[in-house]
């Protein structure tokens, strides 16, 4: 498949840029190892993390966000990473040998793209809330629904959580403390426990 799809494989060190959006490159990338983040910096120098990727994360100019021309967008490694790059033309064309392996790889790739679309949809659901508390509640409810439990562990640090909901970390931490004082949540490092009051307030009491 490496030869059939003209796939190239590259390694990156922590802090390195995997790609910078805005080029005319016509390819799709897959992160095989490590973790990376898609960063946008606007004309005023304000930066925000648009997306975080782990193994099997799909990225590339064809899958990124609309390019405004004034913003800089790039994918940066949080740790040492390995990635493969597949020319888009090799994905859409028919395999001359009509091999099953080609079909399986394309099916798997579109499955990964579907997961990416679902993850972005979930984030839009969180970011569509107006206040920091509403964003936190929506995200916590989403994590609880996925785990099927009131108690779960955040998939990243609190700093990364602030980036995820697009808010200042200090303001977010104040809101988390207030939610604890209000008896809505309990926390232990990155572990979050949703109380019965939280579930009642969100209208899901007895469902989780």
N, C-alpha and C. Protein backbone atom coordinates (compact mmCIF):
# COMPACT_ATOMS: atom_id res chain seq x y z
N UNK A 1 0.82 -1.20 0.00
CA UNK A 1 0.00 0.00 0.00
C UNK A 1 0.86 1.27 0.00
N UNK A 2 2.05 1.20 0.60
CA UNK A 2 2.94 2.36 0.60
C UNK A 2 3.29 2.73 -0.83
N UNK A 3 3.52 1.73 -1.68
CA UNK A 3 3.86 1.99 -3.07
C UNK A 3 2.61 2.34 -3.88
N UNK A 4 1.53 1.61 -3.64
CA UNK A 4 0.30 1.80 -4.40
C UNK A 4 -0.25 3.21 -4.24
N UNK A 5 -0.15 3.77 -3.03
CA UNK A 5 -0.71 5.09 -2.75
C UNK A 5 0.34 6.20 -2.80
N UNK A 6 1.59 5.85 -3.11
CA UNK A 6 2.68 6.84 -3.10
C UNK A 6 2.75 7.54 -1.75
N UNK A 7 2.65 6.73 -0.69
CA UNK A 7 2.64 7.26 0.66
C UNK A 7 4.05 7.61 1.11
N UNK A 8 4.21 8.77 1.73
CA UNK A 8 5.49 9.16 2.33
C UNK A 8 5.32 9.17 3.85
N UNK A 9 6.37 8.78 4.54
CA UNK A 9 6.33 8.69 6.00
C UNK A 9 7.42 9.59 6.57
N UNK A 10 7.05 10.39 7.60
CA UNK A 10 8.01 11.34 8.17
C UNK A 10 7.93 11.32 9.69
N UNK A 11 9.03 11.68 10.32
CA UNK A 11 9.10 11.78 11.77
C UNK A 11 9.34 13.24 12.15
N UNK A 12 8.77 13.64 13.29
CA UNK A 12 8.90 15.01 13.77
C UNK A 12 9.22 15.00 15.26
N UNK A 13 10.00 15.98 15.69
CA UNK A 13 10.31 16.12 17.11
C UNK A 13 9.29 17.06 17.78
N UNK A 14 9.20 16.94 19.10
CA UNK A 14 8.29 17.81 19.86
C UNK A 14 8.59 19.28 19.54
N UNK A 15 7.55 20.05 19.26
CA UNK A 15 7.73 21.46 18.94
C UNK A 15 7.85 21.75 17.46
N UNK A 16 8.12 20.72 16.65
CA UNK A 16 8.24 20.93 15.22
C UNK A 16 6.87 21.13 14.56
N UNK A 17 6.88 21.82 13.43
CA UNK A 17 5.67 22.03 12.65
C UNK A 17 5.52 20.90 11.63
N UNK A 18 4.37 20.26 11.65
CA UNK A 18 4.09 19.18 10.70
C UNK A 18 3.67 19.75 9.35
N UNK A 19 2.79 20.74 9.37
CA UNK A 19 2.43 21.44 8.14
C UNK A 19 1.88 22.81 8.50
N UNK A 20 1.99 23.74 7.56
CA UNK A 20 1.42 25.07 7.73
C UNK A 20 0.35 25.27 6.68
N UNK A 21 -0.83 25.62 7.11
CA UNK A 21 -1.97 25.74 6.21
C UNK A 21 -1.80 26.97 5.32
N UNK A 22 -2.27 26.83 4.08
CA UNK A 22 -2.19 27.93 3.13
C UNK A 22 -1.49 27.54 1.86
N UNK A 23 -0.78 26.41 1.89
CA UNK A 23 -0.11 25.92 0.69
C UNK A 23 -1.13 25.23 -0.21
N UNK A 24 -0.73 24.95 -1.44
CA UNK A 24 -1.62 24.31 -2.39
C UNK A 24 -1.49 22.79 -2.38
N UNK A 25 -0.84 22.25 -1.34
CA UNK A 25 -0.64 20.80 -1.26
C UNK A 25 -1.97 20.07 -1.28
N UNK A 26 -2.05 19.04 -2.09
CA UNK A 26 -3.29 18.29 -2.27
C UNK A 26 -3.10 16.89 -1.70
N UNK A 27 -3.15 16.79 -0.37
CA UNK A 27 -2.87 15.52 0.29
C UNK A 27 -3.65 15.42 1.60
N UNK A 28 -3.64 14.22 2.16
CA UNK A 28 -4.24 13.96 3.47
C UNK A 28 -3.17 13.32 4.35
N UNK A 29 -3.07 13.77 5.59
CA UNK A 29 -2.09 13.22 6.52
C UNK A 29 -2.76 12.42 7.62
N UNK A 30 -2.05 11.42 8.12
CA UNK A 30 -2.53 10.60 9.24
C UNK A 30 -1.43 10.55 10.29
N UNK A 31 -1.76 10.95 11.51
CA UNK A 31 -0.80 10.88 12.60
C UNK A 31 -0.75 9.44 13.11
N UNK A 32 0.41 8.82 13.05
CA UNK A 32 0.55 7.43 13.47
C UNK A 32 0.96 7.32 14.94
N UNK A 33 1.87 8.18 15.36
CA UNK A 33 2.34 8.16 16.75
C UNK A 33 2.44 9.59 17.25
N UNK A 34 2.28 9.75 18.57
CA UNK A 34 2.44 11.05 19.19
C UNK A 34 1.16 11.87 19.19
N UNK A 35 1.29 13.10 19.67
CA UNK A 35 0.14 14.02 19.74
C UNK A 35 0.56 15.39 19.20
N UNK A 36 -0.40 16.05 18.57
CA UNK A 36 -0.12 17.35 17.97
C UNK A 36 -1.36 18.24 18.11
N UNK A 37 -1.18 19.53 17.85
CA UNK A 37 -2.30 20.47 17.96
C UNK A 37 -2.32 21.40 16.76
N UNK A 38 -3.52 21.72 16.30
CA UNK A 38 -3.71 22.66 15.21
C UNK A 38 -3.91 24.04 15.80
N UNK A 39 -2.99 24.95 15.49
CA UNK A 39 -2.96 26.28 16.10
C UNK A 39 -3.30 27.34 15.06
N UNK A 40 -4.10 28.32 15.48
CA UNK A 40 -4.38 29.47 14.62
C UNK A 40 -3.96 30.74 15.34
N UNK A 41 -3.24 31.62 14.63
CA UNK A 41 -2.84 32.92 15.17
C UNK A 41 -3.42 33.98 14.25
N UNK A 42 -4.21 34.91 14.82
CA UNK A 42 -4.83 35.93 13.99
C UNK A 42 -3.90 37.12 13.79
N UNK A 43 -4.38 38.12 13.08
CA UNK A 43 -3.54 39.28 12.74
C UNK A 43 -3.09 40.06 13.95
N UNK A 44 -3.79 39.90 15.09
CA UNK A 44 -3.43 40.60 16.32
C UNK A 44 -2.47 39.79 17.19
N UNK A 45 -2.10 38.61 16.72
CA UNK A 45 -1.18 37.77 17.48
C UNK A 45 -1.84 36.88 18.51
N UNK A 46 -3.18 36.87 18.53
CA UNK A 46 -3.91 36.01 19.47
C UNK A 46 -3.95 34.59 18.91
N UNK A 47 -3.59 33.63 19.74
CA UNK A 47 -3.54 32.23 19.29
C UNK A 47 -4.63 31.41 19.97
N UNK A 48 -5.11 30.40 19.27
CA UNK A 48 -6.10 29.48 19.82
C UNK A 48 -5.84 28.10 19.24
N UNK A 49 -6.04 27.08 20.06
CA UNK A 49 -5.89 25.70 19.60
C UNK A 49 -7.22 25.26 19.00
N UNK A 50 -7.23 25.03 17.70
CA UNK A 50 -8.45 24.64 17.01
C UNK A 50 -8.78 23.18 17.22
N UNK A 51 -7.73 22.35 17.33
CA UNK A 51 -7.97 20.92 17.39
C UNK A 51 -6.75 20.23 17.98
N UNK A 52 -6.97 19.13 18.67
CA UNK A 52 -5.88 18.30 19.18
C UNK A 52 -5.98 16.92 18.54
N UNK A 53 -4.86 16.41 18.09
CA UNK A 53 -4.82 15.13 17.38
C UNK A 53 -3.96 14.12 18.11
N UNK A 54 -4.41 12.88 18.12
CA UNK A 54 -3.64 11.76 18.64
C UNK A 54 -3.44 10.74 17.54
N UNK A 55 -2.95 9.55 17.87
CA UNK A 55 -2.77 8.51 16.86
C UNK A 55 -4.06 8.26 16.07
N UNK A 56 -3.93 8.13 14.77
CA UNK A 56 -5.04 7.95 13.81
C UNK A 56 -5.75 9.26 13.52
N UNK A 57 -5.25 10.38 14.04
CA UNK A 57 -5.84 11.67 13.71
C UNK A 57 -5.57 12.03 12.26
N UNK A 58 -6.59 12.53 11.58
CA UNK A 58 -6.48 12.88 10.16
C UNK A 58 -6.35 14.40 10.04
N UNK A 59 -5.45 14.86 9.16
CA UNK A 59 -5.23 16.29 9.01
C UNK A 59 -4.80 16.60 7.58
N UNK A 60 -4.68 17.90 7.31
CA UNK A 60 -4.21 18.32 6.00
C UNK A 60 -4.97 19.51 5.46
N UNK A 61 -4.45 20.16 4.43
CA UNK A 61 -5.11 21.34 3.84
C UNK A 61 -6.54 21.06 3.42
N UNK A 62 -6.82 19.86 2.97
CA UNK A 62 -8.17 19.53 2.51
C UNK A 62 -9.15 19.33 3.67
N UNK A 63 -8.61 19.18 4.88
CA UNK A 63 -9.46 18.88 6.03
C UNK A 63 -9.39 19.94 7.12
N UNK A 64 -8.68 21.02 6.84
CA UNK A 64 -8.52 22.05 7.86
C UNK A 64 -9.66 23.05 7.79
N UNK A 65 -9.44 24.21 8.37
CA UNK A 65 -10.48 25.22 8.45
C UNK A 65 -10.31 26.25 7.34
N UNK A 66 -11.37 26.96 6.98
CA UNK A 66 -11.27 27.94 5.89
C UNK A 66 -10.11 28.90 6.11
N UNK A 67 -9.37 29.14 5.08
CA UNK A 67 -8.19 30.01 5.16
C UNK A 67 -8.60 31.44 4.87
N UNK A 68 -8.38 32.34 5.82
CA UNK A 68 -8.81 33.73 5.66
C UNK A 68 -7.74 34.59 4.99
N UNK A 69 -6.51 34.10 4.93
CA UNK A 69 -5.44 34.87 4.32
C UNK A 69 -4.69 35.71 5.33
N UNK A 70 -5.36 36.16 6.39
CA UNK A 70 -4.71 36.99 7.39
C UNK A 70 -4.27 36.19 8.61
N UNK A 71 -4.81 34.99 8.77
CA UNK A 71 -4.45 34.15 9.91
C UNK A 71 -3.40 33.14 9.51
N UNK A 72 -2.62 32.71 10.50
CA UNK A 72 -1.65 31.63 10.30
C UNK A 72 -2.18 30.39 11.01
N UNK A 73 -2.18 29.27 10.32
CA UNK A 73 -2.66 28.01 10.88
C UNK A 73 -1.63 26.93 10.61
N UNK A 74 -1.23 26.22 11.66
CA UNK A 74 -0.28 25.15 11.46
C UNK A 74 -0.49 24.04 12.49
N UNK A 75 0.02 22.87 12.16
CA UNK A 75 -0.05 21.72 13.06
C UNK A 75 1.31 21.55 13.72
N UNK A 76 1.34 21.58 15.05
CA UNK A 76 2.59 21.52 15.81
C UNK A 76 2.60 20.32 16.74
N UNK A 77 3.72 19.65 16.83
CA UNK A 77 3.85 18.45 17.66
C UNK A 77 3.94 18.82 19.14
N UNK A 78 3.14 18.15 19.97
CA UNK A 78 3.27 18.27 21.42
C UNK A 78 4.37 17.34 21.92
N UNK A 79 4.62 16.29 21.18
CA UNK A 79 5.65 15.30 21.51
C UNK A 79 6.17 14.73 20.20
N UNK A 80 7.18 13.87 20.27
CA UNK A 80 7.70 13.27 19.05
C UNK A 80 6.59 12.54 18.30
N UNK A 81 6.51 12.77 17.00
CA UNK A 81 5.41 12.23 16.21
C UNK A 81 5.92 11.51 14.95
N UNK A 82 5.08 10.62 14.45
CA UNK A 82 5.27 10.02 13.14
C UNK A 82 3.98 10.20 12.36
N UNK A 83 4.10 10.52 11.09
CA UNK A 83 2.92 10.75 10.26
C UNK A 83 3.16 10.25 8.85
N UNK A 84 2.07 9.88 8.19
CA UNK A 84 2.14 9.50 6.78
C UNK A 84 1.32 10.50 5.97
N UNK A 85 1.73 10.71 4.72
CA UNK A 85 1.08 11.67 3.84
C UNK A 85 0.66 10.95 2.56
N UNK A 86 -0.64 11.06 2.23
CA UNK A 86 -1.19 10.36 1.07
C UNK A 86 -1.71 11.39 0.07
N UNK A 87 -1.23 11.36 -1.17
CA UNK A 87 -1.78 12.27 -2.19
C UNK A 87 -3.28 12.02 -2.37
N UNK A 88 -4.06 13.09 -2.37
CA UNK A 88 -5.51 12.94 -2.48
C UNK A 88 -5.90 12.24 -3.78
N UNK A 89 -5.15 12.47 -4.84
CA UNK A 89 -5.48 11.86 -6.13
C UNK A 89 -5.40 10.34 -6.07
N UNK A 90 -4.53 9.82 -5.19
CA UNK A 90 -4.39 8.37 -5.07
C UNK A 90 -5.55 7.74 -4.30
N UNK A 91 -6.28 8.56 -3.54
CA UNK A 91 -7.41 8.06 -2.77
C UNK A 91 -8.66 7.99 -3.64
N UNK A 92 -8.82 8.98 -4.49
CA UNK A 92 -10.05 9.07 -5.27
C UNK A 92 -10.03 8.24 -6.55
N UNK A 93 -8.85 7.93 -7.07
CA UNK A 93 -8.80 7.18 -8.33
C UNK A 93 -9.03 5.69 -8.09
N UNK A 94 -9.45 4.98 -9.10
CA UNK A 94 -9.64 3.54 -9.02
C UNK A 94 -8.30 2.84 -9.09
N UNK A 95 -8.17 1.78 -8.32
CA UNK A 95 -6.93 1.00 -8.32
C UNK A 95 -6.87 0.18 -9.62
N UNK A 96 -5.75 0.28 -10.33
CA UNK A 96 -5.60 -0.43 -11.60
C UNK A 96 -5.67 -1.95 -11.42
N UNK A 97 -5.23 -2.41 -10.26
CA UNK A 97 -5.24 -3.85 -10.00
C UNK A 97 -6.52 -4.30 -9.31
N UNK A 98 -7.40 -3.33 -8.99
CA UNK A 98 -8.66 -3.63 -8.29
C UNK A 98 -8.42 -4.49 -7.05
N UNK A 99 -7.36 -4.17 -6.30
CA UNK A 99 -7.00 -4.99 -5.14
C UNK A 99 -7.88 -4.64 -3.94
N UNK A 100 -8.15 -5.66 -3.13
CA UNK A 100 -8.99 -5.50 -1.95
C UNK A 100 -8.31 -4.60 -0.93
N UNK A 101 -6.97 -4.66 -0.87
CA UNK A 101 -6.23 -3.85 0.10
C UNK A 101 -6.49 -2.37 -0.13
N UNK A 102 -6.54 -1.98 -1.39
CA UNK A 102 -6.80 -0.57 -1.73
C UNK A 102 -8.16 -0.14 -1.19
N UNK A 103 -9.17 -0.96 -1.42
CA UNK A 103 -10.53 -0.64 -0.97
C UNK A 103 -10.60 -0.55 0.55
N UNK A 104 -9.92 -1.48 1.24
CA UNK A 104 -9.95 -1.48 2.69
C UNK A 104 -9.32 -0.20 3.25
N UNK A 105 -8.18 0.20 2.66
CA UNK A 105 -7.51 1.41 3.15
C UNK A 105 -8.39 2.63 2.95
N UNK A 106 -9.04 2.73 1.79
CA UNK A 106 -9.92 3.87 1.54
C UNK A 106 -11.10 3.86 2.51
N UNK A 107 -11.68 2.67 2.76
CA UNK A 107 -12.80 2.57 3.70
C UNK A 107 -12.36 3.00 5.10
N UNK A 108 -11.17 2.54 5.52
CA UNK A 108 -10.67 2.91 6.85
C UNK A 108 -10.42 4.41 6.95
N UNK A 109 -9.88 4.98 5.87
CA UNK A 109 -9.57 6.42 5.87
C UNK A 109 -10.86 7.23 6.00
N UNK A 110 -11.89 6.86 5.26
CA UNK A 110 -13.15 7.59 5.35
C UNK A 110 -13.81 7.38 6.72
N UNK A 111 -13.58 6.22 7.33
CA UNK A 111 -14.06 6.00 8.69
C UNK A 111 -13.39 6.95 9.66
N UNK A 112 -12.08 7.18 9.49
CA UNK A 112 -11.34 8.11 10.35
C UNK A 112 -11.82 9.54 10.11
N UNK A 113 -12.12 9.88 8.87
CA UNK A 113 -12.62 11.22 8.56
C UNK A 113 -14.00 11.43 9.18
N UNK A 114 -14.81 10.36 9.22
CA UNK A 114 -16.12 10.45 9.87
C UNK A 114 -15.96 10.72 11.36
N UNK A 115 -15.02 10.04 11.99
CA UNK A 115 -14.77 10.27 13.41
C UNK A 115 -14.32 11.71 13.66
N UNK A 116 -13.49 12.23 12.73
CA UNK A 116 -13.04 13.62 12.85
C UNK A 116 -14.23 14.57 12.76
N UNK A 117 -15.13 14.29 11.82
CA UNK A 117 -16.31 15.14 11.66
C UNK A 117 -17.18 15.10 12.91
N UNK A 118 -17.32 13.92 13.53
CA UNK A 118 -18.11 13.80 14.74
C UNK A 118 -17.47 14.57 15.89
N UNK A 119 -16.12 14.49 15.99
CA UNK A 119 -15.42 15.21 17.05
C UNK A 119 -15.59 16.72 16.88
N UNK A 120 -15.51 17.20 15.65
CA UNK A 120 -15.69 18.62 15.41
C UNK A 120 -17.13 19.04 15.72
N UNK A 121 -18.09 18.18 15.40
CA UNK A 121 -19.48 18.47 15.69
C UNK A 121 -19.71 18.58 17.20
N UNK A 122 -19.06 17.69 17.96
CA UNK A 122 -19.18 17.74 19.41
C UNK A 122 -18.60 19.04 19.96
N UNK A 123 -17.48 19.47 19.38
CA UNK A 123 -16.88 20.70 19.86
C UNK A 123 -17.75 21.91 19.56
N UNK A 124 -18.36 21.91 18.37
CA UNK A 124 -19.28 22.99 18.02
C UNK A 124 -20.43 23.03 19.02
N UNK A 125 -20.91 21.85 19.43
CA UNK A 125 -21.99 21.77 20.42
C UNK A 125 -21.57 22.44 21.72
N UNK A 126 -20.31 22.23 22.13
CA UNK A 126 -19.81 22.83 23.37
C UNK A 126 -19.62 24.34 23.19
N UNK A 127 -18.98 24.74 22.09
CA UNK A 127 -18.66 26.15 21.88
C UNK A 127 -19.89 27.00 21.60
N UNK A 128 -20.99 26.37 21.22
CA UNK A 128 -22.21 27.13 20.93
C UNK A 128 -22.85 27.67 22.21
N UNK A 129 -22.44 27.16 23.37
CA UNK A 129 -22.97 27.66 24.65
C UNK A 129 -22.38 29.04 24.94
N UNK A 130 -23.14 29.86 25.62
CA UNK A 130 -22.74 31.26 25.77
C UNK A 130 -21.74 31.50 26.90
N UNK A 131 -21.95 30.87 28.06
CA UNK A 131 -21.10 31.16 29.21
C UNK A 131 -20.08 30.04 29.42
N UNK A 132 -19.05 30.36 30.23
CA UNK A 132 -18.03 29.37 30.54
C UNK A 132 -18.65 28.17 31.25
N UNK A 133 -19.55 28.44 32.20
CA UNK A 133 -20.20 27.35 32.93
C UNK A 133 -21.00 26.46 31.98
N UNK A 134 -21.73 27.07 31.08
CA UNK A 134 -22.53 26.28 30.14
C UNK A 134 -21.64 25.42 29.25
N UNK A 135 -20.50 25.97 28.85
CA UNK A 135 -19.56 25.20 28.03
C UNK A 135 -19.00 24.02 28.82
N UNK A 136 -18.60 24.27 30.07
CA UNK A 136 -18.07 23.20 30.91
C UNK A 136 -19.13 22.12 31.15
N UNK A 137 -20.34 22.54 31.45
CA UNK A 137 -21.41 21.57 31.70
C UNK A 137 -21.68 20.71 30.47
N UNK A 138 -21.72 21.35 29.31
CA UNK A 138 -21.98 20.61 28.07
C UNK A 138 -20.88 19.61 27.80
N UNK A 139 -19.63 20.01 28.04
CA UNK A 139 -18.51 19.10 27.78
C UNK A 139 -18.47 17.96 28.79
N UNK A 140 -18.70 18.27 30.06
CA UNK A 140 -18.71 17.22 31.08
C UNK A 140 -19.83 16.22 30.82
N UNK A 141 -20.97 16.71 30.41
CA UNK A 141 -22.09 15.83 30.10
C UNK A 141 -21.75 14.93 28.92
N UNK A 142 -21.04 15.47 27.96
CA UNK A 142 -20.61 14.69 26.79
C UNK A 142 -19.66 13.57 27.20
N UNK A 143 -18.69 13.88 28.07
CA UNK A 143 -17.74 12.87 28.53
C UNK A 143 -18.43 11.81 29.37
N UNK A 144 -19.39 12.22 30.20
CA UNK A 144 -20.13 11.26 31.02
C UNK A 144 -20.95 10.32 30.15
N UNK A 145 -21.58 10.87 29.11
CA UNK A 145 -22.39 10.05 28.21
C UNK A 145 -21.52 9.02 27.48
N UNK A 146 -20.30 9.43 27.12
CA UNK A 146 -19.40 8.51 26.42
C UNK A 146 -18.93 7.38 27.32
N UNK A 147 -18.65 7.71 28.59
CA UNK A 147 -18.15 6.70 29.52
C UNK A 147 -19.28 5.92 30.17
N UNK A 148 -20.49 6.49 30.16
CA UNK A 148 -21.63 5.84 30.81
C UNK A 148 -21.56 5.94 32.32
N UNK A 149 -20.72 6.85 32.83
CA UNK A 149 -20.54 7.01 34.28
C UNK A 149 -20.51 8.49 34.64
N UNK A 150 -20.82 8.76 35.92
CA UNK A 150 -20.73 10.13 36.40
C UNK A 150 -19.28 10.56 36.61
N UNK A 151 -18.43 9.59 36.83
CA UNK A 151 -17.02 9.89 37.09
C UNK A 151 -16.19 9.57 35.86
N UNK A 152 -15.32 10.49 35.48
CA UNK A 152 -14.47 10.29 34.30
C UNK A 152 -13.21 11.12 34.47
N UNK A 153 -12.26 10.88 33.60
CA UNK A 153 -10.99 11.61 33.64
C UNK A 153 -10.89 12.49 32.40
N UNK A 154 -10.51 13.73 32.59
CA UNK A 154 -10.33 14.62 31.45
C UNK A 154 -9.27 14.05 30.52
N UNK A 155 -9.48 14.11 29.21
CA UNK A 155 -8.50 13.54 28.27
C UNK A 155 -7.25 14.39 28.10
N UNK A 156 -7.24 15.60 28.70
CA UNK A 156 -6.07 16.46 28.60
C UNK A 156 -6.00 17.36 29.84
N UNK A 157 -5.01 18.21 29.91
CA UNK A 157 -4.79 19.07 31.07
C UNK A 157 -5.84 20.18 31.14
N UNK A 158 -5.88 20.88 32.27
CA UNK A 158 -6.81 21.99 32.41
C UNK A 158 -6.46 23.14 31.46
N UNK A 159 -5.18 23.32 31.21
CA UNK A 159 -4.79 24.35 30.24
C UNK A 159 -5.34 24.02 28.86
N UNK A 160 -5.24 22.72 28.51
CA UNK A 160 -5.77 22.29 27.22
C UNK A 160 -7.30 22.38 27.20
N UNK A 161 -7.93 22.17 28.36
CA UNK A 161 -9.38 22.30 28.43
C UNK A 161 -9.80 23.75 28.16
N UNK A 162 -9.02 24.69 28.68
CA UNK A 162 -9.29 26.09 28.41
C UNK A 162 -9.20 26.39 26.92
N UNK A 163 -8.19 25.82 26.27
CA UNK A 163 -8.06 26.00 24.82
C UNK A 163 -9.24 25.36 24.09
N UNK A 164 -9.67 24.20 24.58
CA UNK A 164 -10.74 23.46 23.91
C UNK A 164 -12.05 24.24 23.91
N UNK A 165 -12.35 24.90 25.04
CA UNK A 165 -13.61 25.66 25.11
C UNK A 165 -13.38 27.14 24.79
N UNK A 166 -12.16 27.46 24.34
CA UNK A 166 -11.84 28.83 23.89
C UNK A 166 -12.11 29.87 24.96
N UNK A 167 -11.50 29.67 26.12
CA UNK A 167 -11.67 30.64 27.20
C UNK A 167 -10.39 30.77 27.99
N UNK A 168 -10.28 31.84 28.74
CA UNK A 168 -9.10 32.07 29.57
C UNK A 168 -9.03 31.02 30.68
N UNK A 169 -7.85 30.46 30.90
CA UNK A 169 -7.71 29.39 31.88
C UNK A 169 -8.07 29.86 33.29
N UNK A 170 -7.64 31.06 33.67
CA UNK A 170 -7.93 31.57 35.02
C UNK A 170 -9.43 31.71 35.24
N UNK A 171 -10.13 32.25 34.23
CA UNK A 171 -11.58 32.41 34.34
C UNK A 171 -12.26 31.04 34.42
N UNK A 172 -11.74 30.08 33.67
CA UNK A 172 -12.31 28.74 33.70
C UNK A 172 -12.11 28.08 35.06
N UNK A 173 -10.90 28.24 35.64
CA UNK A 173 -10.63 27.64 36.94
C UNK A 173 -11.51 28.26 38.02
N UNK A 174 -11.77 29.55 37.93
CA UNK A 174 -12.68 30.19 38.89
C UNK A 174 -14.08 29.60 38.77
N UNK A 175 -14.50 29.35 37.55
CA UNK A 175 -15.83 28.78 37.35
C UNK A 175 -15.89 27.34 37.86
N UNK A 176 -14.82 26.59 37.70
CA UNK A 176 -14.78 25.22 38.23
C UNK A 176 -14.87 25.23 39.75
N UNK A 177 -14.16 26.17 40.38
CA UNK A 177 -14.24 26.27 41.84
C UNK A 177 -15.66 26.62 42.28
N UNK A 178 -16.30 27.52 41.54
CA UNK A 178 -17.67 27.91 41.87
C UNK A 178 -18.63 26.73 41.70
N UNK A 179 -18.41 25.92 40.68
CA UNK A 179 -19.26 24.75 40.47
C UNK A 179 -19.08 23.75 41.60
N UNK A 180 -17.86 23.64 42.14
CA UNK A 180 -17.62 22.76 43.30
C UNK A 180 -18.34 23.31 44.52
N UNK A 181 -18.25 24.61 44.74
CA UNK A 181 -18.92 25.22 45.89
C UNK A 181 -20.44 25.09 45.79
N UNK A 182 -20.94 25.09 44.58
CA UNK A 182 -22.38 24.96 44.36
C UNK A 182 -22.85 23.51 44.43
N UNK A 183 -21.90 22.60 44.65
CA UNK A 183 -22.25 21.19 44.80
C UNK A 183 -22.59 20.48 43.50
N UNK A 184 -22.10 21.02 42.38
CA UNK A 184 -22.39 20.41 41.09
C UNK A 184 -21.36 19.36 40.68
N UNK A 185 -20.12 19.56 41.08
CA UNK A 185 -19.04 18.63 40.71
C UNK A 185 -18.10 18.43 41.88
N UNK A 186 -17.35 17.34 41.80
CA UNK A 186 -16.22 17.09 42.69
C UNK A 186 -15.02 16.78 41.79
N UNK A 187 -13.85 17.22 42.19
CA UNK A 187 -12.66 17.00 41.37
C UNK A 187 -11.50 16.45 42.19
N UNK A 188 -10.68 15.66 41.54
CA UNK A 188 -9.42 15.18 42.10
C UNK A 188 -8.42 15.12 40.96
N UNK A 189 -7.58 16.14 40.90
CA UNK A 189 -6.68 16.33 39.76
C UNK A 189 -7.53 16.39 38.49
N UNK A 190 -7.32 15.46 37.57
CA UNK A 190 -8.08 15.51 36.31
C UNK A 190 -9.36 14.68 36.36
N UNK A 191 -9.65 14.08 37.51
CA UNK A 191 -10.87 13.31 37.65
C UNK A 191 -12.04 14.24 37.99
N UNK A 192 -13.15 14.03 37.32
CA UNK A 192 -14.35 14.83 37.54
C UNK A 192 -15.49 13.90 37.94
N UNK A 193 -16.22 14.29 38.99
CA UNK A 193 -17.40 13.52 39.41
C UNK A 193 -18.59 14.46 39.36
N UNK A 194 -19.64 14.06 38.63
CA UNK A 194 -20.85 14.85 38.51
C UNK A 194 -21.83 14.44 39.60
N UNK A 195 -22.29 15.40 40.38
CA UNK A 195 -23.21 15.11 41.48
C UNK A 195 -24.64 14.96 40.96
N UNK A 196 -25.51 14.52 41.86
CA UNK A 196 -26.92 14.38 41.51
C UNK A 196 -27.52 15.75 41.17
N UNK A 197 -27.07 16.79 41.87
CA UNK A 197 -27.57 18.14 41.58
C UNK A 197 -27.21 18.54 40.15
N UNK A 198 -26.01 18.18 39.71
CA UNK A 198 -25.59 18.50 38.34
C UNK A 198 -26.52 17.82 37.34
N UNK A 199 -26.77 16.52 37.57
CA UNK A 199 -27.60 15.75 36.63
C UNK A 199 -29.02 16.30 36.59
N UNK A 200 -29.55 16.69 37.76
CA UNK A 200 -30.91 17.25 37.80
C UNK A 200 -30.95 18.58 37.05
N UNK A 201 -29.94 19.40 37.27
CA UNK A 201 -29.89 20.71 36.62
C UNK A 201 -29.81 20.56 35.09
N UNK A 202 -29.11 19.51 34.62
CA UNK A 202 -28.97 19.29 33.18
C UNK A 202 -30.11 18.47 32.61
N UNK A 203 -31.04 18.03 33.48
CA UNK A 203 -32.20 17.29 33.01
C UNK A 203 -31.93 15.86 32.61
N UNK A 204 -30.88 15.26 33.21
CA UNK A 204 -30.53 13.88 32.85
C UNK A 204 -30.48 12.98 34.09
N UNK A 205 -31.11 13.39 35.15
CA UNK A 205 -31.10 12.58 36.38
C UNK A 205 -31.67 11.19 36.09
N UNK A 206 -30.94 10.17 36.56
CA UNK A 206 -31.38 8.80 36.36
C UNK A 206 -30.96 8.20 35.03
N UNK A 207 -30.35 9.00 34.16
CA UNK A 207 -29.96 8.52 32.84
C UNK A 207 -28.48 8.15 32.77
N UNK A 208 -27.70 8.63 33.73
CA UNK A 208 -26.26 8.32 33.76
C UNK A 208 -25.91 7.75 35.12
